[in-house]
Structure formats: structure tokens, C-alpha cells
Amino acid sequence: MQWFHECRTLQEVKATYKKLARQHHPDLGGDTAVMQEINREYAFATARIMNGAGLSEEETEHEILSSEAYRQAIENIAHLLGVTIEIVGHWIWVTGNTYPVRDVLKKAGFFFASKKQAWYFRTAEYKTARSSGKSLDAIRSKYGSETIRDENLKRKSGNRLGR
């Protein structure tokens, strides 16, 4: 971790984040890519401290993204046509022509965000008390996004999940 490696408590992580946001936020003249990296590390640092595991960034990312729940959720919907599957922060978002496959998404544990017109999956540890009210584009901008499968691609090269 580049930004939060010296933080040992949640309060230190939050204080460091506020300081870095004032320095690097794009609305204040900073760089978007740098702020996305800070946001990503902030999420990992927070998760690491809250879990008390003392994991490295790579170990934390591996635990989050390859957990059984996330793997199963993606596997359950990877075959769906006409949808885009992406990871944004610690959430899986599904967009595109989702109406015909809504029952499959519900069964796989996804929830519909009507204001975003998208389906999402997250584990209980990343559940928030209420919606942030931000658009999906704003969330992507804050945390960055990794597309698992694009609705316009039948198969993403080199990716077993992109059926």
C-alpha cells in the first residue's frame, strides 16, 4: 500500500483519507487516476483494520474478490446474454438488457437499484445503511471499474467467465 501503509487504526485511515482527498481530488485540481487509487487503497485499509486480519493489499484484494460469495455470484450470471458485468469497489454491478433475466439475477443474490437502473451484489460486510445517492458513473469514477464481461462481447479473450 502506498497511501495508508502507516495507518494502524480506523481513525488514522479516515484522517489520512481526508488529507489525501484535499490534496488529490479532481474537483480540487488533483488527478482522477491518483484519487481512484487512493479510494481503492482506502477501501482495502478499512477492510483490513475492521477485519483485524493484518493482511497485505494483495491478500485483502484476493480475499474480497475471490471469496466464495463473489465467485458464485459471477458464476451464476456469467452465461447471461445482453448484460455487462463489472466490479466497482467491492460490489458487482450488472447493466444492459437485464429485464428479461431479472429472475436469474434475483436468484443469484443481486438487488435492483432503480435510480441507477442497474443490479448489484455485495456481501454483508460491505452493506451500507442507505444508498449513497450517487450515479453509477460517479461510483465508477470514485473507485475505478473492472469489466468482467461486456454486453457487446460474446467472449472476453482470456477470461473464462466471459461466456
N, C-alpha and C. Protein backbone atom coordinates (compact mmCIF):
# COMPACT_ATOMS: atom_id res chain seq x y z
N MET A 1 0.83 -1.19 0.00
CA MET A 1 0.00 0.00 0.00
C MET A 1 0.88 1.25 0.00
N GLN A 2 0.55 2.15 -0.86
CA GLN A 2 1.33 3.38 -0.98
C GLN A 2 0.84 4.46 -0.03
N TRP A 3 -0.46 4.57 0.16
CA TRP A 3 -1.01 5.72 0.86
C TRP A 3 -1.32 5.48 2.33
N PHE A 4 -1.67 4.27 2.72
CA PHE A 4 -2.16 4.00 4.08
C PHE A 4 -1.29 3.00 4.84
N HIS A 5 -0.06 2.77 4.39
CA HIS A 5 0.78 1.73 4.98
C HIS A 5 1.14 1.98 6.44
N GLU A 6 1.13 3.23 6.89
CA GLU A 6 1.49 3.54 8.28
C GLU A 6 0.27 3.59 9.21
N CYS A 7 -0.91 3.47 8.68
CA CYS A 7 -2.13 3.58 9.48
C CYS A 7 -2.37 2.28 10.24
N ARG A 8 -2.64 2.41 11.54
CA ARG A 8 -2.88 1.23 12.37
C ARG A 8 -4.30 1.20 12.95
N THR A 9 -5.02 2.32 12.89
CA THR A 9 -6.38 2.37 13.42
C THR A 9 -7.31 2.93 12.35
N LEU A 10 -8.60 2.69 12.55
CA LEU A 10 -9.59 3.21 11.62
C LEU A 10 -9.57 4.74 11.61
N GLN A 11 -9.35 5.35 12.76
CA GLN A 11 -9.30 6.81 12.83
C GLN A 11 -8.11 7.35 12.02
N GLU A 12 -6.98 6.67 12.08
CA GLU A 12 -5.81 7.08 11.28
C GLU A 12 -6.10 6.96 9.79
N VAL A 13 -6.77 5.89 9.39
CA VAL A 13 -7.12 5.69 7.98
C VAL A 13 -8.03 6.82 7.51
N LYS A 14 -9.06 7.12 8.30
CA LYS A 14 -10.00 8.17 7.93
C LYS A 14 -9.32 9.54 7.86
N ALA A 15 -8.46 9.85 8.82
CA ALA A 15 -7.77 11.14 8.82
C ALA A 15 -6.83 11.25 7.62
N THR A 16 -6.14 10.16 7.32
CA THR A 16 -5.23 10.16 6.17
C THR A 16 -6.02 10.33 4.88
N TYR A 17 -7.16 9.65 4.79
CA TYR A 17 -8.00 9.77 3.59
C TYR A 17 -8.45 11.21 3.39
N LYS A 18 -8.92 11.86 4.44
CA LYS A 18 -9.38 13.25 4.32
C LYS A 18 -8.25 14.16 3.84
N LYS A 19 -7.07 13.95 4.39
CA LYS A 19 -5.91 14.75 3.99
C LYS A 19 -5.57 14.52 2.52
N LEU A 20 -5.55 13.26 2.11
CA LEU A 20 -5.22 12.93 0.73
C LEU A 20 -6.29 13.43 -0.24
N ALA A 21 -7.55 13.35 0.16
CA ALA A 21 -8.64 13.83 -0.70
C ALA A 21 -8.52 15.34 -0.92
N ARG A 22 -8.14 16.08 0.10
CA ARG A 22 -7.96 17.52 -0.07
C ARG A 22 -6.81 17.84 -1.02
N GLN A 23 -5.81 16.96 -1.06
CA GLN A 23 -4.64 17.18 -1.92
C GLN A 23 -4.85 16.68 -3.35
N HIS A 24 -5.60 15.59 -3.52
CA HIS A 24 -5.61 14.91 -4.82
C HIS A 24 -6.97 14.82 -5.51
N HIS A 25 -8.03 15.31 -4.90
CA HIS A 25 -9.35 15.18 -5.51
C HIS A 25 -9.41 15.99 -6.81
N PRO A 26 -9.96 15.40 -7.88
CA PRO A 26 -10.03 16.09 -9.18
C PRO A 26 -10.79 17.42 -9.12
N ASP A 27 -11.79 17.52 -8.26
CA ASP A 27 -12.53 18.78 -8.13
C ASP A 27 -11.69 19.89 -7.52
N LEU A 28 -10.58 19.49 -6.90
CA LEU A 28 -9.69 20.47 -6.28
C LEU A 28 -8.35 20.58 -7.02
N GLY A 29 -8.36 20.13 -8.28
CA GLY A 29 -7.17 20.24 -9.11
C GLY A 29 -6.30 19.01 -9.14
N GLY A 30 -6.72 17.94 -8.48
CA GLY A 30 -5.93 16.71 -8.46
C GLY A 30 -6.18 15.83 -9.67
N ASP A 31 -5.54 14.69 -9.67
CA ASP A 31 -5.61 13.74 -10.78
C ASP A 31 -6.62 12.64 -10.48
N THR A 32 -7.49 12.33 -11.44
CA THR A 32 -8.53 11.32 -11.25
C THR A 32 -7.93 9.95 -10.97
N ALA A 33 -6.91 9.54 -11.71
CA ALA A 33 -6.31 8.22 -11.53
C ALA A 33 -5.70 8.08 -10.14
N VAL A 34 -5.06 9.12 -9.66
CA VAL A 34 -4.47 9.09 -8.32
C VAL A 34 -5.57 8.97 -7.27
N MET A 35 -6.65 9.72 -7.45
CA MET A 35 -7.75 9.67 -6.49
C MET A 35 -8.43 8.31 -6.50
N GLN A 36 -8.54 7.68 -7.66
CA GLN A 36 -9.12 6.34 -7.73
C GLN A 36 -8.25 5.35 -6.95
N GLU A 37 -6.93 5.47 -7.10
CA GLU A 37 -6.02 4.59 -6.37
C GLU A 37 -6.14 4.83 -4.86
N ILE A 38 -6.25 6.08 -4.46
CA ILE A 38 -6.43 6.40 -3.04
C ILE A 38 -7.73 5.79 -2.53
N ASN A 39 -8.81 5.94 -3.30
CA ASN A 39 -10.10 5.37 -2.89
C ASN A 39 -10.02 3.85 -2.77
N ARG A 40 -9.35 3.23 -3.70
CA ARG A 40 -9.21 1.78 -3.68
C ARG A 40 -8.42 1.33 -2.45
N GLU A 41 -7.31 1.99 -2.19
CA GLU A 41 -6.50 1.64 -1.02
C GLU A 41 -7.23 1.94 0.28
N TYR A 42 -8.03 3.00 0.28
CA TYR A 42 -8.82 3.34 1.46
C TYR A 42 -9.78 2.20 1.78
N ALA A 43 -10.44 1.66 0.76
CA ALA A 43 -11.36 0.54 0.97
C ALA A 43 -10.62 -0.66 1.53
N PHE A 44 -9.44 -0.97 0.98
CA PHE A 44 -8.66 -2.11 1.47
C PHE A 44 -8.17 -1.88 2.89
N ALA A 45 -7.67 -0.68 3.17
CA ALA A 45 -7.16 -0.38 4.51
C ALA A 45 -8.27 -0.46 5.55
N THR A 46 -9.43 0.05 5.20
CA THR A 46 -10.57 0.00 6.10
C THR A 46 -10.98 -1.45 6.36
N ALA A 47 -11.08 -2.24 5.30
CA ALA A 47 -11.46 -3.65 5.44
C ALA A 47 -10.44 -4.40 6.27
N ARG A 48 -9.18 -4.16 6.04
CA ARG A 48 -8.11 -4.85 6.77
C ARG A 48 -8.19 -4.54 8.26
N ILE A 49 -8.36 -3.29 8.60
CA ILE A 49 -8.43 -2.91 10.01
C ILE A 49 -9.70 -3.42 10.65
N MET A 50 -10.82 -3.30 9.95
CA MET A 50 -12.09 -3.76 10.51
C MET A 50 -12.10 -5.28 10.71
N ASN A 51 -11.42 -6.00 9.84
CA ASN A 51 -11.35 -7.45 9.98
C ASN A 51 -10.25 -7.87 10.95
N GLY A 52 -9.35 -6.94 11.27
CA GLY A 52 -8.28 -7.24 12.21
C GLY A 52 -7.31 -8.29 11.71
N ALA A 53 -7.30 -8.50 10.42
CA ALA A 53 -6.51 -9.58 9.86
C ALA A 53 -5.07 -9.20 9.58
N GLY A 54 -4.78 -7.93 9.44
CA GLY A 54 -3.42 -7.51 9.14
C GLY A 54 -2.94 -8.01 7.79
N LEU A 55 -3.84 -8.14 6.83
CA LEU A 55 -3.48 -8.64 5.51
C LEU A 55 -2.85 -7.55 4.66
N SER A 56 -2.02 -7.97 3.72
CA SER A 56 -1.47 -7.03 2.76
C SER A 56 -2.58 -6.62 1.79
N GLU A 57 -2.32 -5.59 0.99
CA GLU A 57 -3.31 -5.15 -0.01
C GLU A 57 -3.66 -6.29 -0.95
N GLU A 58 -2.66 -7.02 -1.42
CA GLU A 58 -2.90 -8.12 -2.35
C GLU A 58 -3.72 -9.22 -1.69
N GLU A 59 -3.40 -9.55 -0.44
CA GLU A 59 -4.16 -10.58 0.27
C GLU A 59 -5.60 -10.14 0.51
N THR A 60 -5.77 -8.87 0.87
CA THR A 60 -7.12 -8.35 1.09
C THR A 60 -7.92 -8.38 -0.20
N GLU A 61 -7.31 -7.92 -1.30
CA GLU A 61 -8.00 -7.94 -2.58
C GLU A 61 -8.38 -9.37 -2.96
N HIS A 62 -7.45 -10.29 -2.75
CA HIS A 62 -7.74 -11.68 -3.08
C HIS A 62 -8.89 -12.21 -2.24
N GLU A 63 -8.89 -11.91 -0.95
CA GLU A 63 -9.97 -12.37 -0.07
C GLU A 63 -11.32 -11.82 -0.50
N ILE A 64 -11.34 -10.56 -0.88
CA ILE A 64 -12.60 -9.92 -1.25
C ILE A 64 -13.10 -10.42 -2.60
N LEU A 65 -12.25 -10.34 -3.61
CA LEU A 65 -12.69 -10.64 -4.97
C LEU A 65 -12.81 -12.12 -5.28
N SER A 66 -12.07 -12.94 -4.57
CA SER A 66 -12.15 -14.37 -4.88
C SER A 66 -12.91 -15.13 -3.80
N SER A 67 -13.57 -14.41 -2.93
CA SER A 67 -14.36 -15.09 -1.91
C SER A 67 -15.42 -15.95 -2.59
N GLU A 68 -15.86 -16.95 -1.89
CA GLU A 68 -16.84 -17.86 -2.45
C GLU A 68 -18.11 -17.14 -2.90
N ALA A 69 -18.55 -16.17 -2.12
CA ALA A 69 -19.79 -15.46 -2.46
C ALA A 69 -19.66 -14.72 -3.78
N TYR A 70 -18.54 -14.00 -3.98
CA TYR A 70 -18.36 -13.25 -5.22
C TYR A 70 -18.17 -14.20 -6.40
N ARG A 71 -17.38 -15.22 -6.20
CA ARG A 71 -17.14 -16.18 -7.27
C ARG A 71 -18.45 -16.82 -7.70
N GLN A 72 -19.24 -17.23 -6.73
CA GLN A 72 -20.52 -17.88 -7.03
C GLN A 72 -21.48 -16.92 -7.72
N ALA A 73 -21.53 -15.67 -7.26
CA ALA A 73 -22.43 -14.68 -7.87
C ALA A 73 -22.09 -14.47 -9.34
N ILE A 74 -20.81 -14.32 -9.64
CA ILE A 74 -20.39 -14.12 -11.03
C ILE A 74 -20.65 -15.37 -11.85
N GLU A 75 -20.34 -16.52 -11.28
CA GLU A 75 -20.55 -17.77 -12.00
C GLU A 75 -22.03 -17.99 -12.33
N ASN A 76 -22.91 -17.59 -11.43
CA ASN A 76 -24.35 -17.77 -11.64
C ASN A 76 -24.92 -16.90 -12.75
N ILE A 77 -24.24 -15.81 -13.10
CA ILE A 77 -24.78 -14.92 -14.13
C ILE A 77 -23.89 -14.78 -15.35
N ALA A 78 -22.74 -15.43 -15.35
CA ALA A 78 -21.78 -15.26 -16.45
C ALA A 78 -22.34 -15.68 -17.79
N HIS A 79 -23.31 -16.55 -17.80
CA HIS A 79 -23.89 -17.05 -19.05
C HIS A 79 -24.92 -16.10 -19.65
N LEU A 80 -25.36 -15.10 -18.90
CA LEU A 80 -26.43 -14.22 -19.36
C LEU A 80 -25.99 -13.38 -20.55
N LEU A 81 -26.84 -13.30 -21.54
CA LEU A 81 -26.55 -12.51 -22.73
C LEU A 81 -27.13 -11.11 -22.59
N GLY A 82 -26.49 -10.13 -23.21
CA GLY A 82 -27.01 -8.77 -23.24
C GLY A 82 -26.74 -7.96 -21.99
N VAL A 83 -25.86 -8.45 -21.11
CA VAL A 83 -25.56 -7.70 -19.89
C VAL A 83 -24.06 -7.45 -19.78
N THR A 84 -23.73 -6.39 -19.05
CA THR A 84 -22.34 -6.08 -18.72
C THR A 84 -22.16 -6.36 -17.24
N ILE A 85 -21.12 -7.10 -16.90
CA ILE A 85 -20.80 -7.43 -15.52
C ILE A 85 -19.49 -6.72 -15.18
N GLU A 86 -19.51 -5.93 -14.10
CA GLU A 86 -18.28 -5.24 -13.72
C GLU A 86 -18.14 -5.17 -12.21
N ILE A 87 -16.91 -5.07 -11.78
CA ILE A 87 -16.60 -4.90 -10.36
C ILE A 87 -16.25 -3.44 -10.15
N VAL A 88 -16.96 -2.80 -9.24
CA VAL A 88 -16.73 -1.41 -8.90
C VAL A 88 -16.57 -1.36 -7.39
N GLY A 89 -15.37 -1.08 -6.91
CA GLY A 89 -15.11 -1.16 -5.48
C GLY A 89 -15.28 -2.60 -5.03
N HIS A 90 -16.09 -2.83 -4.01
CA HIS A 90 -16.35 -4.17 -3.50
C HIS A 90 -17.70 -4.70 -3.94
N TRP A 91 -18.27 -4.13 -4.97
CA TRP A 91 -19.60 -4.51 -5.44
C TRP A 91 -19.51 -5.01 -6.87
N ILE A 92 -20.40 -5.92 -7.22
CA ILE A 92 -20.54 -6.37 -8.60
C ILE A 92 -21.78 -5.66 -9.14
N TRP A 93 -21.66 -5.01 -10.30
CA TRP A 93 -22.79 -4.30 -10.93
C TRP A 93 -23.09 -4.96 -12.25
N VAL A 94 -24.37 -5.06 -12.56
CA VAL A 94 -24.82 -5.64 -13.83
C VAL A 94 -25.74 -4.63 -14.50
N THR A 95 -25.40 -4.29 -15.73
CA THR A 95 -26.18 -3.34 -16.51
C THR A 95 -26.48 -3.95 -17.87
N GLY A 96 -27.21 -3.22 -18.68
CA GLY A 96 -27.56 -3.70 -20.01
C GLY A 96 -29.01 -4.14 -20.05
N ASN A 97 -29.30 -5.13 -20.86
CA ASN A 97 -30.67 -5.63 -21.03
C ASN A 97 -30.97 -6.64 -19.92
N THR A 98 -31.21 -6.14 -18.71
CA THR A 98 -31.37 -7.01 -17.54
C THR A 98 -32.81 -7.44 -17.29
N TYR A 99 -33.78 -6.75 -17.86
CA TYR A 99 -35.18 -7.07 -17.57
C TYR A 99 -35.53 -8.53 -17.87
N PRO A 100 -35.14 -9.06 -19.03
CA PRO A 100 -35.50 -10.45 -19.32
C PRO A 100 -34.84 -11.47 -18.38
N VAL A 101 -33.76 -11.09 -17.70
CA VAL A 101 -33.03 -12.03 -16.84
C VAL A 101 -33.13 -11.66 -15.36
N ARG A 102 -34.10 -10.83 -15.03
CA ARG A 102 -34.22 -10.33 -13.66
C ARG A 102 -34.40 -11.46 -12.64
N ASP A 103 -35.13 -12.50 -13.00
CA ASP A 103 -35.34 -13.61 -12.06
C ASP A 103 -34.04 -14.36 -11.78
N VAL A 104 -33.20 -14.50 -12.78
CA VAL A 104 -31.90 -15.15 -12.59
C VAL A 104 -31.03 -14.28 -11.68
N LEU A 105 -31.06 -12.98 -11.90
CA LEU A 105 -30.27 -12.07 -11.07
C LEU A 105 -30.74 -12.12 -9.61
N LYS A 106 -32.04 -12.10 -9.40
CA LYS A 106 -32.58 -12.19 -8.03
C LYS A 106 -32.14 -13.48 -7.36
N LYS A 107 -32.27 -14.57 -8.08
CA LYS A 107 -31.90 -15.88 -7.54
C LYS A 107 -30.41 -15.95 -7.19
N ALA A 108 -29.59 -15.22 -7.93
CA ALA A 108 -28.15 -15.20 -7.69
C ALA A 108 -27.76 -14.25 -6.56
N GLY A 109 -28.75 -13.55 -5.97
CA GLY A 109 -28.46 -12.67 -4.84
C GLY A 109 -28.23 -11.22 -5.19
N PHE A 110 -28.60 -10.83 -6.40
CA PHE A 110 -28.44 -9.44 -6.82
C PHE A 110 -29.69 -8.65 -6.44
N PHE A 111 -29.50 -7.35 -6.25
CA PHE A 111 -30.59 -6.43 -5.92
C PHE A 111 -30.65 -5.34 -6.97
N PHE A 112 -31.84 -4.84 -7.24
CA PHE A 112 -32.01 -3.81 -8.26
C PHE A 112 -31.96 -2.43 -7.63
N ALA A 113 -31.12 -1.56 -8.19
CA ALA A 113 -31.03 -0.16 -7.78
C ALA A 113 -31.79 0.65 -8.82
N SER A 114 -33.03 1.02 -8.50
CA SER A 114 -33.90 1.65 -9.50
C SER A 114 -33.35 2.98 -9.99
N LYS A 115 -32.75 3.77 -9.12
CA LYS A 115 -32.24 5.07 -9.55
C LYS A 115 -31.04 4.92 -10.48
N LYS A 116 -30.30 3.85 -10.34
CA LYS A 116 -29.13 3.60 -11.19
C LYS A 116 -29.49 2.72 -12.39
N GLN A 117 -30.70 2.12 -12.36
CA GLN A 117 -31.13 1.19 -13.40
C GLN A 117 -30.08 0.10 -13.60
N ALA A 118 -29.62 -0.47 -12.48
CA ALA A 118 -28.59 -1.50 -12.51
C ALA A 118 -28.80 -2.45 -11.33
N TRP A 119 -28.29 -3.65 -11.46
CA TRP A 119 -28.34 -4.65 -10.42
C TRP A 119 -27.00 -4.69 -9.71
N TYR A 120 -27.00 -4.97 -8.40
CA TYR A 120 -25.75 -5.02 -7.66
C TYR A 120 -25.71 -6.22 -6.72
N PHE A 121 -24.49 -6.63 -6.42
CA PHE A 121 -24.25 -7.71 -5.46
C PHE A 121 -23.14 -7.24 -4.55
N ARG A 122 -23.32 -7.46 -3.26
CA ARG A 122 -22.26 -7.18 -2.30
C ARG A 122 -22.48 -8.11 -1.12
N THR A 123 -21.40 -8.40 -0.41
CA THR A 123 -21.52 -9.25 0.77
C THR A 123 -21.99 -8.41 1.94
N ALA A 124 -22.43 -9.06 2.99
CA ALA A 124 -22.98 -8.37 4.16
C ALA A 124 -21.97 -7.41 4.78
N GLU A 125 -20.69 -7.73 4.71
CA GLU A 125 -19.69 -6.86 5.33
C GLU A 125 -19.56 -5.51 4.63
N TYR A 126 -20.04 -5.40 3.39
CA TYR A 126 -19.98 -4.13 2.67
C TYR A 126 -21.35 -3.51 2.48
N LYS A 127 -22.30 -3.97 3.26
CA LYS A 127 -23.65 -3.43 3.21
C LYS A 127 -23.64 -2.05 3.87
N THR A 128 -24.27 -1.09 3.23
CA THR A 128 -24.39 0.23 3.82
C THR A 128 -25.81 0.44 4.29
N ALA A 129 -25.98 1.33 5.24
CA ALA A 129 -27.30 1.57 5.82
C ALA A 129 -28.26 2.18 4.81
N ARG A 130 -27.73 2.97 3.87
CA ARG A 130 -28.57 3.62 2.88
C ARG A 130 -27.77 3.85 1.61
N SER A 131 -28.46 4.15 0.57
CA SER A 131 -27.83 4.41 -0.72
C SER A 131 -27.03 5.70 -0.66
N SER A 132 -25.95 5.73 -1.41
CA SER A 132 -25.13 6.94 -1.44
C SER A 132 -25.79 8.05 -2.25
N GLY A 133 -26.75 7.69 -3.10
CA GLY A 133 -27.41 8.67 -3.96
C GLY A 133 -26.57 9.05 -5.17
N LYS A 134 -25.38 8.48 -5.30
CA LYS A 134 -24.51 8.79 -6.43
C LYS A 134 -24.89 7.94 -7.64
N SER A 135 -24.64 8.47 -8.80
CA SER A 135 -24.88 7.70 -10.02
C SER A 135 -23.82 6.61 -10.12
N LEU A 136 -24.10 5.61 -10.95
CA LEU A 136 -23.14 4.54 -11.15
C LEU A 136 -21.86 5.09 -11.77
N ASP A 137 -21.98 6.07 -12.65
CA ASP A 137 -20.78 6.69 -13.22
C ASP A 137 -19.94 7.38 -12.15
N ALA A 138 -20.60 8.02 -11.18
CA ALA A 138 -19.87 8.67 -10.09
C ALA A 138 -19.17 7.63 -9.22
N ILE A 139 -19.82 6.51 -8.99
CA ILE A 139 -19.21 5.44 -8.20
C ILE A 139 -18.02 4.86 -8.95
N ARG A 140 -18.18 4.65 -10.27
CA ARG A 140 -17.06 4.16 -11.09
C ARG A 140 -15.88 5.14 -11.02
N SER A 141 -16.20 6.42 -11.12
CA SER A 141 -15.16 7.44 -11.09
C SER A 141 -14.41 7.43 -9.76
N LYS A 142 -15.14 7.19 -8.69
CA LYS A 142 -14.52 7.20 -7.36
C LYS A 142 -13.64 5.97 -7.13
N TYR A 143 -14.15 4.78 -7.48
CA TYR A 143 -13.45 3.54 -7.15
C TYR A 143 -12.74 2.86 -8.31
N GLY A 144 -13.01 3.33 -9.53
CA GLY A 144 -12.48 2.62 -10.68
C GLY A 144 -13.39 1.44 -10.98
N SER A 145 -13.21 0.82 -12.13
CA SER A 145 -14.10 -0.25 -12.55
C SER A 145 -13.32 -1.27 -13.36
N GLU A 146 -13.67 -2.54 -13.14
CA GLU A 146 -13.08 -3.61 -13.94
C GLU A 146 -14.22 -4.40 -14.57
N THR A 147 -14.28 -4.39 -15.89
CA THR A 147 -15.34 -5.10 -16.59
C THR A 147 -14.98 -6.58 -16.67
N ILE A 148 -15.90 -7.40 -16.18
CA ILE A 148 -15.72 -8.85 -16.24
C ILE A 148 -16.22 -9.36 -17.59
N ARG A 149 -17.38 -8.84 -18.00
CA ARG A 149 -17.93 -9.20 -19.30
C ARG A 149 -18.76 -8.06 -19.81
N ASP A 150 -18.54 -7.69 -21.05
CA ASP A 150 -19.25 -6.58 -21.67
C ASP A 150 -20.41 -7.13 -22.49
N GLU A 151 -21.57 -6.47 -22.41
CA GLU A 151 -22.76 -6.92 -23.13
C GLU A 151 -22.52 -7.00 -24.64
N ASN A 152 -21.57 -6.24 -25.15
CA ASN A 152 -21.32 -6.23 -26.59
C ASN A 152 -20.32 -7.29 -27.03
N LEU A 153 -19.73 -7.99 -26.07
CA LEU A 153 -18.76 -9.02 -26.41
C LEU A 153 -19.34 -10.39 -26.08
N LYS A 154 -19.24 -11.30 -27.01
CA LYS A 154 -19.71 -12.65 -26.72
C LYS A 154 -18.75 -13.33 -25.76
N ARG A 155 -17.47 -13.09 -25.93
CA ARG A 155 -16.47 -13.71 -25.06
C ARG A 155 -15.30 -12.74 -24.92
N LYS A 156 -14.94 -12.45 -23.68
CA LYS A 156 -13.78 -11.59 -23.43
C LYS A 156 -12.56 -12.48 -23.49
N SER A 157 -11.61 -12.15 -24.32
CA SER A 157 -10.47 -13.01 -24.53
C SER A 157 -9.70 -13.26 -23.24
N GLY A 158 -9.35 -14.50 -23.03
CA GLY A 158 -8.57 -14.87 -21.86
C GLY A 158 -9.36 -14.92 -20.56
N ASN A 159 -10.66 -14.75 -20.60
CA ASN A 159 -11.44 -14.74 -19.37
C ASN A 159 -12.48 -15.83 -19.42
N ARG A 160 -12.34 -16.83 -18.56
CA ARG A 160 -13.25 -17.96 -18.52
C ARG A 160 -14.68 -17.53 -18.20
N LEU A 161 -14.84 -16.45 -17.42
CA LEU A 161 -16.16 -16.02 -17.01
C LEU A 161 -16.91 -15.28 -18.10
N GLY A 162 -16.21 -14.82 -19.14
CA GLY A 162 -16.86 -14.00 -20.17
C GLY A 162 -17.53 -14.81 -21.24
N ARG A 163 -18.46 -15.65 -20.88
CA ARG A 163 -19.16 -16.51 -21.85
C ARG A 163 -20.11 -15.74 -22.70
